[in-house]
Amino acid sequence: MSRTKPDPTLKQREQKVVIIVSSPSNGFDMMEKDLMNWSKTYKIHPYAYALPDISSLNYTRRHGFRPLLDAINTKILMAPRGFDNHNRTDYSKVKFLIDEFRHGFNAQWMQNKDIIIGSETFNSFQDERIRQKLVNVLVKLMPWNDSRFSLYGSNDRIKVIVLYRSSRSKHFHSLWKESSLKLKLEEWIASQGQDIFSTANEFIRHGAKDIDVVDVDYIVDMKYNLTHFIACKSLGLGCNGDGLLNSVVNATTITTATVLPTYESNIANQETIERTLQDFDCRYHFLRSDSVKFFPSELRSRFSNCKGATIDAISELKNHP
């Protein structure tokens, strides 16, 4: 496979890696399409949402960064017993995927670009130990941690953007409706990974200091476009008075507001579910830090005075009448 060889002599500027942490039914699928298209046409320069060519493994660009996260997950799960002759193919696939993505990160970094990595897969790993190890491996793939090169950078150059739904009960209701499991809503919530901030917390443990929490429900209510909003507010790119990215508006007049899946709004025990999920989110102290930026800013008050709850509070939902 032919590759563009990075030029290590290029002078390095202060760059960053932006991690977009999402969950299903958060509007990330449309956002990712925008980021892919805008990156190819340099509309989000100096940012790049660049994906390697892994078509030899039957992946296309629409798979985004999921192949990388799945490969890291497989590597983590196989680590205790290793790869033997029976799963040598799995080992080769995992190594190829991780190597290709790492080379892509290095190539973009050596071209003085900021890297964007996003996926709604981040929050799909329910085991906390898996999430911890996944973030650890991903951080090691950052260009400045590649011992083959002497590249400028450090873990504190990682920025994390968390796509949040302030109506947590509606979010889980949407996911529940799309699930094939035959459980009541409360039972389903108790059986799933409810933790949407643990990934961001792990990046903070590794040195990330720049954290944004964006309320997607607010974006939808205001009829904004999520990608434009992130580009303007979180990435700091040039935008017009309507909050639209100049480079995109100048090229097209069509901008579609972000929409989310909707189902009937009558949710049994909604108040109890909402309160319990919010308390669960409040376990993370970083949400009460002044350094975290909330969009809208009023979202900060949601976490400023909460005390938090335990895992048991979530599991008790399934026993709620």
Protein backbone atom coordinates (compact mmCIF):
# COMPACT_ATOMS: atom_id res chain seq x y z
CA MET A 1 0.00 0.00 0.00
CA SER A 2 1.45 3.38 -1.01
CA ARG A 3 1.77 6.02 1.67
CA THR A 4 2.61 9.70 1.75
CA LYS A 5 5.86 9.82 3.70
CA PRO A 6 5.70 12.45 6.47
CA ASP A 7 8.32 15.17 6.41
CA PRO A 8 9.91 15.24 9.91
CA THR A 9 11.76 18.49 9.09
CA LEU A 10 8.57 20.57 9.12
CA LYS A 11 8.55 23.01 12.02
CA GLN A 12 6.01 21.99 14.62
CA ARG A 13 3.52 24.57 15.90
CA GLU A 14 1.34 24.23 18.98
CA GLN A 15 -1.17 21.66 17.85
CA LYS A 16 -3.91 19.73 19.57
CA VAL A 17 -5.80 16.48 19.32
CA VAL A 18 -9.56 16.81 19.70
CA ILE A 19 -11.45 13.77 20.98
CA ILE A 20 -15.22 13.87 20.39
CA VAL A 21 -16.92 11.46 22.79
CA SER A 22 -20.46 10.58 21.83
CA SER A 23 -23.13 7.93 22.28
CA PRO A 24 -25.72 6.64 19.77
CA SER A 25 -28.75 8.88 19.16
CA ASN A 26 -26.66 11.99 19.85
CA GLY A 27 -26.48 13.33 16.31
CA PHE A 28 -22.87 12.26 15.84
CA ASP A 29 -23.55 10.24 12.68
CA MET A 30 -24.47 13.36 10.67
CA MET A 31 -21.72 15.34 12.34
CA GLU A 32 -19.14 12.77 11.30
CA LYS A 33 -20.24 13.00 7.66
CA ASP A 34 -19.77 16.77 7.81
CA LEU A 35 -16.34 16.45 9.39
CA MET A 36 -15.20 13.94 6.76
CA ASN A 37 -16.40 16.10 3.87
CA TRP A 38 -15.16 19.38 5.31
CA SER A 39 -11.78 17.87 6.14
CA LYS A 40 -11.28 16.64 2.56
CA THR A 41 -12.00 20.13 1.20
CA TYR A 42 -9.95 21.98 3.87
CA LYS A 43 -13.01 23.78 5.26
CA ILE A 44 -11.93 23.06 8.85
CA HIS A 45 -8.22 23.79 8.37
CA PRO A 46 -5.97 23.41 10.36
CA TYR A 47 -8.08 20.55 11.71
CA ALA A 48 -8.15 17.18 9.96
CA TYR A 49 -10.64 14.35 10.33
CA ALA A 50 -8.43 12.01 8.36
CA LEU A 51 -9.03 8.28 8.02
CA PRO A 52 -6.57 5.78 6.55
CA ASP A 53 -7.34 3.56 3.59
CA ILE A 54 -8.27 0.23 5.18
CA SER A 55 -10.43 -0.98 2.30
CA SER A 56 -8.31 -4.15 2.10
CA LEU A 57 -10.17 -5.24 5.25
CA ASN A 58 -13.55 -4.29 3.73
CA TYR A 59 -13.82 -1.07 5.74
CA THR A 60 -14.94 2.19 4.18
CA ARG A 61 -14.78 5.78 5.37
CA ARG A 62 -18.31 5.48 6.74
CA HIS A 63 -16.93 3.22 9.48
CA GLY A 64 -15.02 6.23 10.83
CA PHE A 65 -12.78 5.51 13.81
CA ARG A 66 -14.77 2.49 14.96
CA PRO A 67 -12.33 -0.02 13.37
CA LEU A 68 -9.53 1.49 15.45
CA LEU A 69 -11.48 1.34 18.71
CA ASP A 70 -12.64 -2.20 17.98
CA ALA A 71 -9.06 -3.24 17.20
CA ILE A 72 -7.83 -1.73 20.49
CA ASN A 73 -10.65 -3.52 22.32
CA THR A 74 -9.67 -6.84 20.72
CA LYS A 75 -6.04 -6.25 21.67
CA ILE A 76 -7.06 -5.59 25.26
CA LEU A 77 -9.27 -8.68 25.48
CA MET A 78 -6.62 -10.95 23.92
CA ALA A 79 -3.76 -9.62 26.07
CA PRO A 80 -4.19 -12.04 29.01
CA ARG A 81 -3.88 -15.17 26.84
CA GLY A 82 -2.11 -13.74 23.82
CA PHE A 83 -2.55 -14.56 20.15
CA ASP A 84 -1.89 -18.18 19.23
CA ASN A 85 -1.85 -20.00 15.91
CA HIS A 86 -5.65 -20.22 15.94
CA ASN A 87 -6.13 -16.47 16.00
CA ARG A 88 -3.04 -15.32 14.11
CA THR A 89 -5.34 -13.71 11.54
CA ASP A 90 -6.96 -11.64 14.29
CA TYR A 91 -3.53 -10.53 15.47
CA SER A 92 -2.50 -9.46 11.96
CA LYS A 93 -5.73 -7.54 11.49
CA VAL A 94 -5.46 -5.78 14.83
CA LYS A 95 -1.82 -4.83 14.24
CA PHE A 96 -2.56 -3.60 10.72
CA LEU A 97 -5.45 -1.40 11.85
CA ILE A 98 -3.57 0.14 14.77
CA ASP A 99 -0.47 0.73 12.63
CA GLU A 100 -2.48 2.38 9.85
CA PHE A 101 -4.30 4.75 12.15
CA ARG A 102 -1.08 5.59 13.99
CA HIS A 103 0.67 6.36 10.72
CA GLY A 104 -2.25 8.61 9.78
CA PHE A 105 -1.99 10.50 13.06
CA ASN A 106 1.75 10.99 12.57
CA ALA A 107 1.33 12.12 8.97
CA GLN A 108 -1.27 14.75 9.88
CA TRP A 109 0.75 15.94 12.87
CA MET A 110 3.91 16.31 10.76
CA GLN A 111 1.90 18.46 8.37
CA ASN A 112 1.14 20.84 11.27
CA LYS A 113 -2.52 19.81 11.40
CA ASP A 114 -4.71 19.41 14.44
CA ILE A 115 -6.25 15.95 14.65
CA ILE A 116 -9.93 15.22 15.31
CA ILE A 117 -10.91 11.75 16.50
CA GLY A 118 -14.58 11.06 17.13
CA SER A 119 -16.87 8.12 17.67
CA GLU A 120 -20.12 7.12 19.31
CA THR A 121 -18.34 3.86 20.16
CA PHE A 122 -16.40 5.42 23.06
CA ASN A 123 -19.29 4.93 25.46
CA SER A 124 -20.29 1.50 24.20
CA PHE A 125 -17.69 -0.33 26.29
CA GLN A 126 -19.54 -0.98 29.53
CA ASP A 127 -16.62 -2.45 31.47
CA GLU A 128 -14.78 0.40 33.19
CA ARG A 129 -11.48 -1.47 32.98
CA ILE A 130 -11.87 -1.79 29.22
CA ARG A 131 -12.53 1.93 28.89
CA GLN A 132 -9.48 2.74 31.00
CA LYS A 133 -7.20 0.51 28.95
CA LEU A 134 -8.71 1.73 25.67
CA VAL A 135 -7.92 5.36 26.50
CA ASN A 136 -4.45 4.34 27.66
CA VAL A 137 -3.69 2.64 24.34
CA LEU A 138 -5.19 5.50 22.32
CA VAL A 139 -3.06 8.08 24.15
CA LYS A 140 0.04 5.99 23.41
CA LEU A 141 -0.84 6.27 19.70
CA MET A 142 -0.54 10.05 19.80
CA PRO A 143 2.38 11.36 17.67
CA TRP A 144 4.41 12.75 20.57
CA ASN A 145 4.34 9.32 22.24
CA ASP A 146 5.82 7.57 19.19
CA SER A 147 9.43 6.77 20.13
CA ARG A 148 10.42 6.53 16.46
CA PHE A 149 10.14 10.30 16.09
CA SER A 150 10.90 13.38 18.16
CA LEU A 151 7.63 15.21 17.69
CA TYR A 152 6.47 18.20 19.68
CA GLY A 153 3.44 17.65 21.87
CA SER A 154 2.21 16.27 25.17
CA ASN A 155 -0.92 14.79 26.66
CA ASP A 156 -2.08 18.19 27.86
CA ARG A 157 -2.63 19.08 24.20
CA ILE A 158 -5.64 16.73 24.16
CA LYS A 159 -9.02 18.45 24.11
CA VAL A 160 -12.15 16.42 24.86
CA ILE A 161 -15.63 17.34 23.65
CA VAL A 162 -18.46 15.38 25.27
CA LEU A 163 -21.78 15.31 23.41
CA TYR A 164 -24.33 15.29 26.23
CA ARG A 165 -28.12 15.03 26.35
CA SER A 166 -29.59 17.13 29.20
CA SER A 167 -32.75 15.08 28.89
CA ARG A 168 -31.05 11.86 29.93
CA SER A 169 -34.33 9.95 30.19
CA LYS A 170 -35.30 10.84 26.59
CA HIS A 171 -31.88 9.82 25.38
CA PHE A 172 -32.10 6.41 26.99
CA HIS A 173 -35.69 6.11 25.86
CA SER A 174 -34.49 6.54 22.26
CA LEU A 175 -31.77 3.93 22.72
CA TRP A 176 -34.22 1.57 24.39
CA LYS A 177 -36.67 1.88 21.49
CA GLU A 178 -33.88 0.95 19.08
CA SER A 179 -32.77 -1.99 21.22
CA SER A 180 -33.71 -5.58 20.48
CA LEU A 181 -33.74 -6.54 24.18
CA LYS A 182 -37.22 -7.29 25.54
CA LEU A 183 -36.93 -5.40 28.81
CA LYS A 184 -38.80 -2.61 30.53
CA LEU A 185 -37.13 0.78 30.21
CA GLU A 186 -35.94 0.77 33.83
CA GLU A 187 -34.54 -2.76 33.48
CA TRP A 188 -32.85 -1.87 30.21
CA ILE A 189 -31.17 1.25 31.68
CA ALA A 190 -29.88 -0.83 34.61
CA SER A 191 -28.40 -3.36 32.17
CA GLN A 192 -26.60 -0.80 29.99
CA GLY A 193 -23.55 1.40 30.33
CA GLN A 194 -24.97 4.70 31.60
CA ASP A 195 -21.58 6.31 32.10
CA ILE A 196 -21.05 8.99 29.48
CA PHE A 197 -18.32 10.92 31.32
CA SER A 198 -15.91 8.09 32.20
CA THR A 199 -14.03 8.35 28.89
CA ALA A 200 -13.45 12.08 29.38
CA ASN A 201 -12.38 11.37 32.95
CA GLU A 202 -9.78 8.87 31.72
CA PHE A 203 -8.33 11.41 29.29
CA ILE A 204 -8.11 13.89 32.17
CA ARG A 205 -6.17 11.29 34.17
CA HIS A 206 -3.74 11.11 31.26
CA GLY A 207 -3.22 14.87 31.24
CA ALA A 208 -6.04 16.38 29.15
CA LYS A 209 -6.98 19.79 30.54
CA ASP A 210 -9.39 21.26 27.95
CA ILE A 211 -12.90 19.81 28.32
CA ASP A 212 -16.13 20.95 26.63
CA VAL A 213 -19.59 19.56 27.42
CA VAL A 214 -22.14 20.29 24.67
CA ASP A 215 -25.86 19.77 25.25
CA VAL A 216 -27.21 18.26 22.03
CA ASP A 217 -30.80 18.73 23.23
CA TYR A 218 -30.08 22.48 23.38
CA ILE A 219 -28.67 22.37 19.83
CA VAL A 220 -31.85 20.68 18.58
CA ASP A 221 -34.21 22.99 20.49
CA MET A 222 -32.45 26.05 19.06
CA LYS A 223 -32.49 24.51 15.56
CA TYR A 224 -28.71 24.79 15.28
CA ASN A 225 -26.47 22.54 13.26
CA LEU A 226 -24.27 20.50 15.63
CA THR A 227 -21.18 20.46 13.40
CA HIS A 228 -21.28 24.21 12.79
CA PHE A 229 -21.78 24.77 16.53
CA ILE A 230 -18.77 22.63 17.46
CA ALA A 231 -16.62 24.23 14.76
CA CYS A 232 -17.49 27.73 15.98
CA LYS A 233 -17.64 27.30 19.76
CA SER A 234 -15.22 24.46 20.52
CA LEU A 235 -12.75 24.58 17.63
CA GLY A 236 -12.73 28.38 17.38
CA LEU A 237 -12.94 28.51 13.58
CA GLY A 238 -14.14 31.56 11.67
CA CYS A 239 -17.93 31.84 11.72
CA ASN A 240 -20.54 34.42 10.75
CA GLY A 241 -23.09 36.15 12.95
CA ASP A 242 -25.52 33.26 12.53
CA GLY A 243 -23.04 30.80 14.04
CA LEU A 244 -22.22 29.14 10.73
CA LEU A 245 -18.75 28.22 9.54
CA ASN A 246 -17.65 30.81 6.99
CA SER A 247 -15.77 28.34 4.78
CA VAL A 248 -18.88 26.18 4.44
CA VAL A 249 -21.43 29.00 4.03
CA ASN A 250 -19.32 30.54 1.28
CA ALA A 251 -19.41 27.26 -0.62
CA THR A 252 -23.06 26.33 -0.16
CA THR A 253 -26.30 27.89 0.99
CA ILE A 254 -27.75 24.68 2.44
CA THR A 255 -27.39 24.14 6.18
CA THR A 256 -29.57 21.57 7.90
CA ALA A 257 -30.44 21.81 11.58
CA THR A 258 -29.51 18.77 13.66
CA VAL A 259 -32.40 16.43 14.43
CA LEU A 260 -32.58 13.42 16.73
CA PRO A 261 -34.75 10.29 16.72
CA THR A 262 -38.07 11.01 18.40
CA TYR A 263 -40.61 8.67 19.94
CA GLU A 264 -43.69 9.18 22.07
CA SER A 265 -42.82 11.57 24.89
CA ASN A 266 -44.82 9.86 27.65
CA ILE A 267 -42.11 8.07 29.64
CA ALA A 268 -43.20 6.18 32.75
CA ASN A 269 -41.26 7.15 35.90
CA GLN A 270 -39.48 9.86 33.89
CA GLU A 271 -38.81 12.09 36.89
CA THR A 272 -37.24 9.27 38.89
CA ILE A 273 -35.15 8.12 35.95
CA GLU A 274 -33.99 11.65 35.18
CA ARG A 275 -32.99 12.39 38.76
CA THR A 276 -31.15 9.10 39.19
CA LEU A 277 -29.23 9.45 35.92
CA GLN A 278 -28.29 13.02 36.75
CA ASP A 279 -27.01 11.99 40.18
CA PHE A 280 -25.03 9.23 38.49
CA ASP A 281 -23.38 11.80 36.20
CA CYS A 282 -22.54 13.97 39.19
CA ARG A 283 -20.01 11.44 40.48
CA TYR A 284 -17.35 13.16 38.37
CA HIS A 285 -15.71 16.04 40.19
CA PHE A 286 -14.25 17.53 37.01
CA LEU A 287 -17.78 18.63 36.04
CA ARG A 288 -17.64 21.11 38.90
CA SER A 289 -14.32 22.56 37.75
CA ASP A 290 -14.25 26.12 36.44
CA SER A 291 -11.97 24.96 33.64
CA VAL A 292 -14.73 22.90 32.00
CA LYS A 293 -16.72 24.82 29.38
CA PHE A 294 -20.44 24.12 29.07
CA PHE A 295 -22.60 24.89 26.05
CA PRO A 296 -24.94 26.49 26.83
CA SER A 297 -23.28 28.05 29.89
CA GLU A 298 -26.47 27.48 31.91
CA LEU A 299 -25.68 23.76 31.82
CA ARG A 300 -23.00 24.35 34.47
CA SER A 301 -25.66 24.84 37.16
CA ARG A 302 -26.84 21.27 36.57
CA PHE A 303 -23.62 19.97 38.12
CA SER A 304 -22.54 22.77 40.47
CA ASN A 305 -24.39 21.59 43.59
CA CYS A 306 -25.04 17.91 43.06
CA LYS A 307 -23.64 15.33 45.45
CA GLY A 308 -23.65 12.29 43.21
CA ALA A 309 -24.95 8.77 43.60
CA THR A 310 -23.65 5.22 43.56
CA ILE A 311 -23.92 2.49 40.94
CA ASP A 312 -26.54 0.88 43.19
CA ALA A 313 -28.91 3.79 42.59
CA ILE A 314 -28.98 2.90 38.90
CA SER A 315 -29.47 -0.81 39.49
CA GLU A 316 -32.40 -0.05 41.77
CA LEU A 317 -34.29 1.50 38.86
CA LYS A 318 -35.27 -1.94 37.60
CA ASN A 319 -37.12 -2.52 40.86
CA HIS A 320 -39.00 0.77 40.68
CA PRO A 321 -42.77 0.20 40.42
